[in-house]
Amino acid sequence: MRKMKKRTFSELVHENKLEIMRNQGEMEKIERKLEEKHAKKAQ
């Protein structure tokens, strides 16, 4: 096994931002579902 190159904190943050941007549509779907569940429970 090869040793993985250690990433700096800023590199990790940057990768996370890119991943979130790619998954933005997916996140919006999840948020809508959660909001609907909470709205049903509140009624």
C-alpha atoms as a PDB file:
ATOM      1  CA  MET A   1       0.000   0.000   0.000  1.00  0.00           C
ATOM      2  CA  ARG A   2       1.154   3.479  -0.824  1.00  0.00           C
ATOM      3  CA  LYS A   3       1.139   6.252   1.708  1.00  0.00           C
ATOM      4  CA  MET A   4      -1.529   8.824   0.989  1.00  0.00           C
ATOM      5  CA  LYS A   5      -0.317  12.382   0.608  1.00  0.00           C
ATOM      6  CA  LYS A   6      -1.388  14.368   3.637  1.00  0.00           C
ATOM      7  CA  ARG A   7      -3.796  17.101   2.682  1.00  0.00           C
ATOM      8  CA  THR A   8      -3.779  20.513   4.231  1.00  0.00           C
ATOM      9  CA  PHE A   9      -6.892  21.762   5.974  1.00  0.00           C
ATOM     10  CA  SER A  10      -7.540  24.319   3.204  1.00  0.00           C
ATOM     11  CA  GLU A  11      -7.391  21.556   0.582  1.00  0.00           C
ATOM     12  CA  LEU A  12      -9.969  19.551   2.505  1.00  0.00           C
ATOM     13  CA  VAL A  13     -12.232  22.591   2.845  1.00  0.00           C
ATOM     14  CA  HIS A  14     -11.933  23.260  -0.874  1.00  0.00           C
ATOM     15  CA  GLU A  15     -12.810  19.656  -1.745  1.00  0.00           C
ATOM     16  CA  ASN A  16     -15.806  19.750   0.581  1.00  0.00           C
ATOM     17  CA  LYS A  17     -17.059  22.952  -1.052  1.00  0.00           C
ATOM     18  CA  LEU A  18     -16.793  21.385  -4.507  1.00  0.00           C
ATOM     19  CA  GLU A  19     -18.641  18.284  -3.324  1.00  0.00           C
ATOM     20  CA  ILE A  20     -21.415  20.387  -1.783  1.00  0.00           C
ATOM     21  CA  MET A  21     -21.789  22.423  -4.969  1.00  0.00           C
ATOM     22  CA  ARG A  22     -22.082  19.185  -6.979  1.00  0.00           C
ATOM     23  CA  ASN A  23     -24.664  17.853  -4.561  1.00  0.00           C
ATOM     24  CA  GLN A  24     -26.641  21.092  -4.198  1.00  0.00           C
ATOM     25  CA  GLY A  25     -29.628  19.721  -6.120  1.00  0.00           C
ATOM     26  CA  GLU A  26     -29.640  16.595  -3.984  1.00  0.00           C
ATOM     27  CA  MET A  27     -29.432  18.664  -0.801  1.00  0.00           C
ATOM     28  CA  GLU A  28     -32.409  20.770  -1.873  1.00  0.00           C
ATOM     29  CA  LYS A  29     -34.505  17.633  -2.414  1.00  0.00           C
ATOM     30  CA  ILE A  30     -33.608  16.340   1.047  1.00  0.00           C
ATOM     31  CA  GLU A  31     -34.386  19.707   2.654  1.00  0.00           C
ATOM     32  CA  ARG A  32     -37.793  19.855   0.944  1.00  0.00           C
ATOM     33  CA  LYS A  33     -38.655  16.347   2.173  1.00  0.00           C
ATOM     34  CA  LEU A  34     -37.649  17.258   5.729  1.00  0.00           C
ATOM     35  CA  GLU A  35     -39.667  20.475   5.617  1.00  0.00           C
ATOM     36  CA  GLU A  36     -42.721  18.556   4.413  1.00  0.00           C
ATOM     37  CA  LYS A  37     -42.359  16.038   7.263  1.00  0.00           C
ATOM     38  CA  HIS A  38     -42.073  18.846   9.838  1.00  0.00           C
ATOM     39  CA  ALA A  39     -45.065  20.655   8.325  1.00  0.00           C
ATOM     40  CA  LYS A  40     -47.179  17.488   8.585  1.00  0.00           C
ATOM     41  CA  LYS A  41     -46.159  16.937  12.212  1.00  0.00           C
ATOM     42  CA  ALA A  42     -46.941  20.553  13.116  1.00  0.00           C
ATOM     43  CA  GLN A  43     -50.527  20.271  11.867  1.00  0.00           C
END
